[in-house]
Amino acid sequence: MTQRHLHIAAYDISSDARLRDALRVLKGYASGRQKSVFECFLTPAERSSLLAEVQGILDKDEDRFVLVRLDPRGKIRVRGRAVKPTDPPWFYVG
């Protein structure tokens, strides 16, 4: 089984229609989110698929999107009522 790695995805999208489309795509991959920032546990294939789907939505001149893989050796700290991200035993993408 391919290992999933924790990524943080964030966007800044100027069009409401593209924003809704991007939100729909990212909700399909995310295990947690806050506003326009998402926690995603992704395999390399899922990462490629997510990037391809988002690329098909965004306007390269008006919108911004970032997907960052977090170093698994780093310590995760949460503040307030935050819940530490975990990779569930099963994961549905779709």
PDB file of N, CA and C in Angstrom:
ATOM      1  N   MET A   1       0.831  -1.174   0.000  1.00  0.00           N
ATOM      2  CA  MET A   1       0.000   0.000   0.000  1.00  0.00           C
ATOM      3  C   MET A   1       0.881   1.245   0.000  1.00  0.00           C
ATOM      4  N   THR A   2       0.537   2.203  -0.839  1.00  0.00           N
ATOM      5  CA  THR A   2       1.294   3.438  -0.931  1.00  0.00           C
ATOM      6  C   THR A   2       0.989   4.329   0.267  1.00  0.00           C
ATOM      7  N   GLN A   3       2.031   4.905   0.811  1.00  0.00           N
ATOM      8  CA  GLN A   3       1.885   5.764   1.989  1.00  0.00           C
ATOM      9  C   GLN A   3       1.357   7.141   1.595  1.00  0.00           C
ATOM     10  N   ARG A   4       0.488   7.661   2.407  1.00  0.00           N
ATOM     11  CA  ARG A   4      -0.012   9.020   2.218  1.00  0.00           C
ATOM     12  C   ARG A   4       0.835   9.983   3.044  1.00  0.00           C
ATOM     13  N   HIS A   5       0.980  11.194   2.515  1.00  0.00           N
ATOM     14  CA  HIS A   5       1.726  12.232   3.212  1.00  0.00           C
ATOM     15  C   HIS A   5       0.812  13.436   3.408  1.00  0.00           C
ATOM     16  N   LEU A   6       1.012  14.125   4.519  1.00  0.00           N
ATOM     17  CA  LEU A   6       0.190  15.286   4.843  1.00  0.00           C
ATOM     18  C   LEU A   6       0.618  16.480   3.993  1.00  0.00           C
ATOM     19  N   HIS A   7      -0.367  17.077   3.319  1.00  0.00           N
ATOM     20  CA  HIS A   7      -0.175  18.283   2.515  1.00  0.00           C
ATOM     21  C   HIS A   7      -1.130  19.358   3.025  1.00  0.00           C
ATOM     22  N   ILE A   8      -0.734  20.596   2.842  1.00  0.00           N
ATOM     23  CA  ILE A   8      -1.605  21.730   3.092  1.00  0.00           C
ATOM     24  C   ILE A   8      -1.888  22.369   1.735  1.00  0.00           C
ATOM     25  N   ALA A   9      -3.164  22.530   1.423  1.00  0.00           N
ATOM     26  CA  ALA A   9      -3.575  23.173   0.178  1.00  0.00           C
ATOM     27  C   ALA A   9      -4.300  24.463   0.532  1.00  0.00           C
ATOM     28  N   ALA A  10      -4.014  25.521  -0.214  1.00  0.00           N
ATOM     29  CA  ALA A  10      -4.681  26.798   0.012  1.00  0.00           C
ATOM     30  C   ALA A  10      -4.888  27.497  -1.319  1.00  0.00           C
ATOM     31  N   TYR A  11      -5.951  28.287  -1.377  1.00  0.00           N
ATOM     32  CA  TYR A  11      -6.218  29.006  -2.620  1.00  0.00           C
ATOM     33  C   TYR A  11      -6.730  30.410  -2.354  1.00  0.00           C
ATOM     34  N   ASP A  12      -6.605  31.241  -3.382  1.00  0.00           N
ATOM     35  CA  ASP A  12      -7.193  32.574  -3.409  1.00  0.00           C
ATOM     36  C   ASP A  12      -7.762  32.715  -4.813  1.00  0.00           C
ATOM     37  N   ILE A  13      -9.073  32.612  -4.944  1.00  0.00           N
ATOM     38  CA  ILE A  13      -9.729  32.561  -6.248  1.00  0.00           C
ATOM     39  C   ILE A  13     -10.700  33.728  -6.355  1.00  0.00           C
ATOM     40  N   SER A  14     -10.598  34.472  -7.459  1.00  0.00           N
ATOM     41  CA  SER A  14     -11.366  35.709  -7.604  1.00  0.00           C
ATOM     42  C   SER A  14     -12.793  35.508  -8.123  1.00  0.00           C
ATOM     43  N   SER A  15     -13.072  34.439  -8.822  1.00  0.00           N
ATOM     44  CA  SER A  15     -14.405  34.197  -9.394  1.00  0.00           C
ATOM     45  C   SER A  15     -15.211  33.269  -8.491  1.00  0.00           C
ATOM     46  N   ASP A  16     -16.453  33.629  -8.211  1.00  0.00           N
ATOM     47  CA  ASP A  16     -17.302  32.788  -7.368  1.00  0.00           C
ATOM     48  C   ASP A  16     -17.526  31.407  -7.986  1.00  0.00           C
ATOM     49  N   ALA A  17     -17.693  31.338  -9.298  1.00  0.00           N
ATOM     50  CA  ALA A  17     -17.930  30.049  -9.962  1.00  0.00           C
ATOM     51  C   ALA A  17     -16.702  29.150  -9.848  1.00  0.00           C
ATOM     52  N   ARG A  18     -15.513  29.699 -10.092  1.00  0.00           N
ATOM     53  CA  ARG A  18     -14.284  28.900  -9.971  1.00  0.00           C
ATOM     54  C   ARG A  18     -14.027  28.525  -8.516  1.00  0.00           C
ATOM     55  N   LEU A  19     -14.376  29.426  -7.607  1.00  0.00           N
ATOM     56  CA  LEU A  19     -14.221  29.145  -6.174  1.00  0.00           C
ATOM     57  C   LEU A  19     -15.069  27.947  -5.768  1.00  0.00           C
ATOM     58  N   ARG A  20     -16.318  27.905  -6.202  1.00  0.00           N
ATOM     59  CA  ARG A  20     -17.195  26.760  -5.887  1.00  0.00           C
ATOM     60  C   ARG A  20     -16.635  25.468  -6.475  1.00  0.00           C
ATOM     61  N   ASP A  21     -16.136  25.535  -7.715  1.00  0.00           N
ATOM     62  CA  ASP A  21     -15.572  24.336  -8.347  1.00  0.00           C
ATOM     63  C   ASP A  21     -14.331  23.849  -7.601  1.00  0.00           C
ATOM     64  N   ALA A  22     -13.457  24.774  -7.214  1.00  0.00           N
ATOM     65  CA  ALA A  22     -12.246  24.400  -6.474  1.00  0.00           C
ATOM     66  C   ALA A  22     -12.593  23.833  -5.104  1.00  0.00           C
ATOM     67  N   LEU A  23     -13.570  24.428  -4.443  1.00  0.00           N
ATOM     68  CA  LEU A  23     -14.009  23.932  -3.137  1.00  0.00           C
ATOM     69  C   LEU A  23     -14.518  22.500  -3.252  1.00  0.00           C
ATOM     70  N   ARG A  24     -15.317  22.229  -4.271  1.00  0.00           N
ATOM     71  CA  ARG A  24     -15.845  20.877  -4.496  1.00  0.00           C
ATOM     72  C   ARG A  24     -14.703  19.879  -4.692  1.00  0.00           C
ATOM     73  N   VAL A  25     -13.714  20.238  -5.494  1.00  0.00           N
ATOM     74  CA  VAL A  25     -12.578  19.348  -5.742  1.00  0.00           C
ATOM     75  C   VAL A  25     -11.802  19.103  -4.459  1.00  0.00           C
ATOM     76  N   LEU A  26     -11.448  20.156  -3.746  1.00  0.00           N
ATOM     77  CA  LEU A  26     -10.629  20.005  -2.546  1.00  0.00           C
ATOM     78  C   LEU A  26     -11.350  19.261  -1.427  1.00  0.00           C
ATOM     79  N   LYS A  27     -12.655  19.450  -1.304  1.00  0.00           N
ATOM     80  CA  LYS A  27     -13.401  18.691  -0.289  1.00  0.00           C
ATOM     81  C   LYS A  27     -13.299  17.194  -0.545  1.00  0.00           C
ATOM     82  N   GLY A  28     -13.142  16.811  -1.805  1.00  0.00           N
ATOM     83  CA  GLY A  28     -13.011  15.401  -2.140  1.00  0.00           C
ATOM     84  C   GLY A  28     -11.696  14.785  -1.703  1.00  0.00           C
ATOM     85  N   TYR A  29     -10.700  15.613  -1.449  1.00  0.00           N
ATOM     86  CA  TYR A  29      -9.377  15.119  -1.053  1.00  0.00           C
ATOM     87  C   TYR A  29      -9.029  15.437   0.401  1.00  0.00           C
ATOM     88  N   ALA A  30      -9.723  16.366   1.013  1.00  0.00           N
ATOM     89  CA  ALA A  30      -9.326  16.879   2.323  1.00  0.00           C
ATOM     90  C   ALA A  30      -9.877  16.052   3.477  1.00  0.00           C
ATOM     91  N   SER A  31      -9.090  15.987   4.542  1.00  0.00           N
ATOM     92  CA  SER A  31      -9.563  15.362   5.774  1.00  0.00           C
ATOM     93  C   SER A  31      -9.920  16.430   6.804  1.00  0.00           C
ATOM     94  N   GLY A  32      -9.543  17.667   6.529  1.00  0.00           N
ATOM     95  CA  GLY A  32      -9.875  18.775   7.418  1.00  0.00           C
ATOM     96  C   GLY A  32      -9.676  20.079   6.677  1.00  0.00           C
ATOM     97  N   ARG A  33     -10.337  21.133   7.170  1.00  0.00           N
ATOM     98  CA  ARG A  33     -10.171  22.431   6.517  1.00  0.00           C
ATOM     99  C   ARG A  33     -10.586  23.557   7.437  1.00  0.00           C
ATOM    100  N   GLN A  34     -10.115  24.736   7.090  1.00  0.00           N
ATOM    101  CA  GLN A  34     -10.543  25.972   7.731  1.00  0.00           C
ATOM    102  C   GLN A  34     -10.538  27.038   6.654  1.00  0.00           C
ATOM    103  N   LYS A  35     -11.719  27.499   6.285  1.00  0.00           N
ATOM    104  CA  LYS A  35     -11.911  28.489   5.229  1.00  0.00           C
ATOM    105  C   LYS A  35     -11.274  28.005   3.927  1.00  0.00           C
ATOM    106  N   SER A  36     -10.207  28.655   3.449  1.00  0.00           N
ATOM    107  CA  SER A  36      -9.619  28.254   2.167  1.00  0.00           C
ATOM    108  C   SER A  36      -8.315  27.486   2.336  1.00  0.00           C
ATOM    109  N   VAL A  37      -8.118  26.862   3.484  1.00  0.00           N
ATOM    110  CA  VAL A  37      -6.921  26.051   3.744  1.00  0.00           C
ATOM    111  C   VAL A  37      -7.376  24.636   4.111  1.00  0.00           C
ATOM    112  N   PHE A  38      -6.763  23.641   3.460  1.00  0.00           N
ATOM    113  CA  PHE A  38      -7.199  22.256   3.596  1.00  0.00           C
ATOM    114  C   PHE A  38      -6.037  21.363   4.012  1.00  0.00           C
ATOM    115  N   GLU A  39      -6.321  20.382   4.870  1.00  0.00           N
ATOM    116  CA  GLU A  39      -5.365  19.326   5.224  1.00  0.00           C
ATOM    117  C   GLU A  39      -5.696  18.122   4.350  1.00  0.00           C
ATOM    118  N   CYS A  40      -4.724  17.656   3.590  1.00  0.00           N
ATOM    119  CA  CYS A  40      -4.956  16.535   2.683  1.00  0.00           C
ATOM    120  C   CYS A  40      -3.873  15.485   2.870  1.00  0.00           C
ATOM    121  N   PHE A  41      -4.256  14.254   3.133  1.00  0.00           N
ATOM    122  CA  PHE A  41      -3.324  13.131   3.136  1.00  0.00           C
ATOM    123  C   PHE A  41      -3.386  12.533   1.741  1.00  0.00           C
ATOM    124  N   LEU A  42      -2.278  12.616   0.994  1.00  0.00           N
ATOM    125  CA  LEU A  42      -2.279  12.229  -0.414  1.00  0.00           C
ATOM    126  C   LEU A  42      -1.165  11.255  -0.755  1.00  0.00           C
ATOM    127  N   THR A  43      -1.481  10.306  -1.622  1.00  0.00           N
ATOM    128  CA  THR A  43      -0.451   9.481  -2.256  1.00  0.00           C
ATOM    129  C   THR A  43       0.102  10.301  -3.419  1.00  0.00           C
ATOM    130  N   PRO A  44       1.216   9.900  -4.008  1.00  0.00           N
ATOM    131  CA  PRO A  44       1.712  10.623  -5.185  1.00  0.00           C
ATOM    132  C   PRO A  44       0.685  10.670  -6.325  1.00  0.00           C
ATOM    133  N   ALA A  45      -0.052   9.594  -6.541  1.00  0.00           N
ATOM    134  CA  ALA A  45      -1.061   9.576  -7.604  1.00  0.00           C
ATOM    135  C   ALA A  45      -2.208  10.527  -7.285  1.00  0.00           C
ATOM    136  N   GLU A  46      -2.651  10.564  -6.026  1.00  0.00           N
ATOM    137  CA  GLU A  46      -3.720  11.475  -5.626  1.00  0.00           C
ATOM    138  C   GLU A  46      -3.261  12.927  -5.750  1.00  0.00           C
ATOM    139  N   ARG A  47      -2.006  13.176  -5.396  1.00  0.00           N
ATOM    140  CA  ARG A  47      -1.446  14.530  -5.524  1.00  0.00           C
ATOM    141  C   ARG A  47      -1.488  14.983  -6.979  1.00  0.00           C
ATOM    142  N   SER A  48      -1.065  14.132  -7.875  1.00  0.00           N
ATOM    143  CA  SER A  48      -1.083  14.462  -9.307  1.00  0.00           C
ATOM    144  C   SER A  48      -2.502  14.702  -9.800  1.00  0.00           C
ATOM    145  N   SER A  49      -3.418  13.862  -9.363  1.00  0.00           N
ATOM    146  CA  SER A  49      -4.817  14.004  -9.758  1.00  0.00           C
ATOM    147  C   SER A  49      -5.409  15.312  -9.243  1.00  0.00           C
ATOM    148  N   LEU A  50      -5.146  15.642  -7.991  1.00  0.00           N
ATOM    149  CA  LEU A  50      -5.630  16.890  -7.410  1.00  0.00           C
ATOM    150  C   LEU A  50      -5.091  18.088  -8.185  1.00  0.00           C
ATOM    151  N   LEU A  51      -3.784  18.091  -8.457  1.00  0.00           N
ATOM    152  CA  LEU A  51      -3.194  19.206  -9.185  1.00  0.00           C
ATOM    153  C   LEU A  51      -3.788  19.350 -10.586  1.00  0.00           C
ATOM    154  N   ALA A  52      -4.032  18.233 -11.254  1.00  0.00           N
ATOM    155  CA  ALA A  52      -4.621  18.279 -12.593  1.00  0.00           C
ATOM    156  C   ALA A  52      -6.041  18.840 -12.548  1.00  0.00           C
ATOM    157  N   GLU A  53      -6.830  18.408 -11.562  1.00  0.00           N
ATOM    158  CA  GLU A  53      -8.206  18.904 -11.440  1.00  0.00           C
ATOM    159  C   GLU A  53      -8.227  20.395 -11.139  1.00  0.00           C
ATOM    160  N   VAL A  54      -7.380  20.840 -10.231  1.00  0.00           N
ATOM    161  CA  VAL A  54      -7.345  22.252  -9.863  1.00  0.00           C
ATOM    162  C   VAL A  54      -6.840  23.094 -11.036  1.00  0.00           C
ATOM    163  N   GLN A  55      -5.859  22.599 -11.753  1.00  0.00           N
ATOM    164  CA  GLN A  55      -5.321  23.332 -12.896  1.00  0.00           C
ATOM    165  C   GLN A  55      -6.403  23.575 -13.959  1.00  0.00           C
ATOM    166  N   GLY A  56      -7.318  22.626 -14.091  1.00  0.00           N
ATOM    167  CA  GLY A  56      -8.403  22.777 -15.043  1.00  0.00           C
ATOM    168  C   GLY A  56      -9.445  23.810 -14.636  1.00  0.00           C
ATOM    169  N   ILE A  57      -9.415  24.228 -13.381  1.00  0.00           N
ATOM    170  CA  ILE A  57     -10.403  25.178 -12.861  1.00  0.00           C
ATOM    171  C   ILE A  57      -9.860  26.605 -12.823  1.00  0.00           C
ATOM    172  N   LEU A  58      -8.614  26.747 -12.404  1.00  0.00           N
ATOM    173  CA  LEU A  58      -8.071  28.073 -12.106  1.00  0.00           C
ATOM    174  C   LEU A  58      -7.748  28.900 -13.339  1.00  0.00           C
ATOM    175  N   ASP A  59      -7.844  30.212 -13.179  1.00  0.00           N
ATOM    176  CA  ASP A  59      -7.354  31.165 -14.170  1.00  0.00           C
ATOM    177  C   ASP A  59      -5.940  31.538 -13.729  1.00  0.00           C
ATOM    178  N   LYS A  60      -4.942  31.204 -14.541  1.00  0.00           N
ATOM    179  CA  LYS A  60      -3.549  31.386 -14.120  1.00  0.00           C
ATOM    180  C   LYS A  60      -3.162  32.837 -13.892  1.00  0.00           C
ATOM    181  N   ASP A  61      -3.924  33.777 -14.465  1.00  0.00           N
ATOM    182  CA  ASP A  61      -3.611  35.193 -14.288  1.00  0.00           C
ATOM    183  C   ASP A  61      -4.316  35.820 -13.088  1.00  0.00           C
ATOM    184  N   GLU A  62      -5.413  35.232 -12.633  1.00  0.00           N
ATOM    185  CA  GLU A  62      -6.204  35.843 -11.558  1.00  0.00           C
ATOM    186  C   GLU A  62      -6.193  35.066 -10.245  1.00  0.00           C
ATOM    187  N   ASP A  63      -5.991  33.758 -10.296  1.00  0.00           N
ATOM    188  CA  ASP A  63      -6.126  32.916  -9.105  1.00  0.00           C
ATOM    189  C   ASP A  63      -4.769  32.431  -8.605  1.00  0.00           C
ATOM    190  N   ARG A  64      -4.754  32.018  -7.347  1.00  0.00           N
ATOM    191  CA  ARG A  64      -3.545  31.464  -6.724  1.00  0.00           C
ATOM    192  C   ARG A  64      -3.908  30.149  -6.045  1.00  0.00           C
ATOM    193  N   PHE A  65      -2.979  29.177  -6.115  1.00  0.00           N
ATOM    194  CA  PHE A  65      -3.156  27.885  -5.456  1.00  0.00           C
ATOM    195  C   PHE A  65      -1.792  27.390  -5.021  1.00  0.00           C
ATOM    196  N   VAL A  66      -1.728  26.852  -3.818  1.00  0.00           N
ATOM    197  CA  VAL A  66      -0.480  26.283  -3.327  1.00  0.00           C
ATOM    198  C   VAL A  66      -0.780  24.940  -2.667  1.00  0.00           C
ATOM    199  N   LEU A  67       0.096  23.971  -2.927  1.00  0.00           N
ATOM    200  CA  LEU A  67       0.010  22.653  -2.300  1.00  0.00           C
ATOM    201  C   LEU A  67       1.386  22.344  -1.742  1.00  0.00           C
ATOM    202  N   VAL A  68       1.477  22.223  -0.418  1.00  0.00           N
ATOM    203  CA  VAL A  68       2.757  22.043   0.258  1.00  0.00           C
ATOM    204  C   VAL A  68       2.746  20.726   1.016  1.00  0.00           C
ATOM    205  N   ARG A  69       3.742  19.889   0.753  1.00  0.00           N
ATOM    206  CA  ARG A  69       3.887  18.654   1.538  1.00  0.00           C
ATOM    207  C   ARG A  69       4.646  18.994   2.813  1.00  0.00           C
ATOM    208  N   LEU A  70       4.072  18.615   3.937  1.00  0.00           N
ATOM    209  CA  LEU A  70       4.715  18.873   5.218  1.00  0.00           C
ATOM    210  C   LEU A  70       5.730  17.788   5.522  1.00  0.00           C
ATOM    211  N   ASP A  71       6.825  18.189   6.115  1.00  0.00           N
ATOM    212  CA  ASP A  71       7.878  17.245   6.480  1.00  0.00           C
ATOM    213  C   ASP A  71       7.358  16.332   7.586  1.00  0.00           C
ATOM    214  N   PRO A  72       7.351  15.009   7.346  1.00  0.00           N
ATOM    215  CA  PRO A  72       6.811  14.094   8.362  1.00  0.00           C
ATOM    216  C   PRO A  72       7.626  14.067   9.656  1.00  0.00           C
ATOM    217  N   ARG A  73       8.851  14.585   9.617  1.00  0.00           N
ATOM    218  CA  ARG A  73       9.672  14.613  10.831  1.00  0.00           C
ATOM    219  C   ARG A  73       9.311  15.793  11.719  1.00  0.00           C
ATOM    220  N   GLY A  74       8.579  16.764  11.160  1.00  0.00           N
ATOM    221  CA  GLY A  74       8.216  17.957  11.933  1.00  0.00           C
ATOM    222  C   GLY A  74       7.151  17.652  12.969  1.00  0.00           C
ATOM    223  N   LYS A  75       7.168  18.418  14.033  1.00  0.00           N
ATOM    224  CA  LYS A  75       6.177  18.265  15.086  1.00  0.00           C
ATOM    225  C   LYS A  75       4.950  19.095  14.728  1.00  0.00           C
ATOM    226  N   ILE A  76       3.786  18.507  14.862  1.00  0.00           N
ATOM    227  CA  ILE A  76       2.547  19.217  14.587  1.00  0.00           C
ATOM    228  C   ILE A  76       2.054  19.846  15.886  1.00  0.00           C
ATOM    229  N   ARG A  77       1.828  21.147  15.833  1.00  0.00           N
ATOM    230  CA  ARG A  77       1.299  21.861  16.991  1.00  0.00           C
ATOM    231  C   ARG A  77      -0.057  22.434  16.612  1.00  0.00           C
ATOM    232  N   VAL A  78      -0.997  22.349  17.497  1.00  0.00           N
ATOM    233  CA  VAL A  78      -2.326  22.905  17.258  1.00  0.00           C
ATOM    234  C   VAL A  78      -2.619  23.922  18.349  1.00  0.00           C
ATOM    235  N   ARG A  79      -3.473  24.881  18.016  1.00  0.00           N
ATOM    236  CA  ARG A  79      -3.837  25.928  18.968  1.00  0.00           C
ATOM    237  C   ARG A  79      -5.355  26.018  19.054  1.00  0.00           C
ATOM    238  N   GLY A  80      -5.851  26.531  20.152  1.00  0.00           N
ATOM    239  CA  GLY A  80      -7.289  26.714  20.316  1.00  0.00           C
ATOM    240  C   GLY A  80      -8.021  25.384  20.325  1.00  0.00           C
ATOM    241  N   ARG A  81      -9.102  25.314  19.553  1.00  0.00           N
ATOM    242  CA  ARG A  81      -9.903  24.094  19.486  1.00  0.00           C
ATOM    243  C   ARG A  81      -9.486  23.215  18.323  1.00  0.00           C
ATOM    244  N   ALA A  82      -8.320  23.449  17.787  1.00  0.00           N
ATOM    245  CA  ALA A  82      -7.839  22.690  16.635  1.00  0.00           C
ATOM    246  C   ALA A  82      -7.671  21.212  16.983  1.00  0.00           C
ATOM    247  N   VAL A  83      -7.847  20.375  15.981  1.00  0.00           N
ATOM    248  CA  VAL A  83      -7.675  18.936  16.133  1.00  0.00           C
ATOM    249  C   VAL A  83      -6.469  18.522  15.301  1.00  0.00           C
ATOM    250  N   LYS A  84      -5.558  17.792  15.904  1.00  0.00           N
ATOM    251  CA  LYS A  84      -4.365  17.340  15.201  1.00  0.00           C
ATOM    252  C   LYS A  84      -4.771  16.468  14.014  1.00  0.00           C
ATOM    253  N   PRO A  85      -4.227  16.748  12.802  1.00  0.00           N
ATOM    254  CA  PRO A  85      -4.611  15.949  11.639  1.00  0.00           C
ATOM    255  C   PRO A  85      -4.130  14.513  11.762  1.00  0.00           C
ATOM    256  N   THR A  86      -4.969  13.581  11.347  1.00  0.00           N
ATOM    257  CA  THR A  86      -4.598  12.172  11.357  1.00  0.00           C
ATOM    258  C   THR A  86      -4.982  11.549  10.026  1.00  0.00           C
ATOM    259  N   ASP A  87      -4.223  10.552   9.621  1.00  0.00           N
ATOM    260  CA  ASP A  87      -4.516   9.813   8.395  1.00  0.00           C
ATOM    261  C   ASP A  87      -5.447   8.676   8.777  1.00  0.00           C
ATOM    262  N   PRO A  88      -6.715   8.736   8.331  1.00  0.00           N
ATOM    263  CA  PRO A  88      -7.670   7.703   8.731  1.00  0.00           C
ATOM    264  C   PRO A  88      -7.312   6.340   8.140  1.00  0.00           C
ATOM    265  N   PRO A  89      -7.824   5.247   8.733  1.00  0.00           N
ATOM    266  CA  PRO A  89      -7.507   3.905   8.237  1.00  0.00           C
ATOM    267  C   PRO A  89      -8.051   3.664   6.829  1.00  0.00           C
ATOM    268  N   TRP A  90      -9.072   4.407   6.427  1.00  0.00           N
ATOM    269  CA  TRP A  90      -9.590   4.327   5.069  1.00  0.00           C
ATOM    270  C   TRP A  90      -9.858   5.741   4.608  1.00  0.00           C
ATOM    271  N   PHE A  91      -9.868   5.939   3.302  1.00  0.00           N
ATOM    272  CA  PHE A  91     -10.026   7.273   2.767  1.00  0.00           C
ATOM    273  C   PHE A  91     -10.761   7.198   1.439  1.00  0.00           C
ATOM    274  N   TYR A  92     -11.834   7.964   1.321  1.00  0.00           N
ATOM    275  CA  TYR A  92     -12.613   7.997   0.081  1.00  0.00           C
ATOM    276  C   TYR A  92     -12.260   9.258  -0.698  1.00  0.00           C
ATOM    277  N   VAL A  93     -11.874   9.107  -1.950  1.00  0.00           N
ATOM    278  CA  VAL A  93     -11.603  10.243  -2.826  1.00  0.00           C
ATOM    279  C   VAL A  93     -12.669  10.253  -3.889  1.00  0.00           C
ATOM    280  N   GLY A  94     -13.415  11.348  -3.995  1.00  0.00           N
ATOM    281  CA  GLY A  94     -14.425  11.384  -5.046  1.00  0.00           C
ATOM    282  C   GLY A  94     -15.456  12.420  -4.881  1.00  0.00           C
TER     283      GLY A  94
END
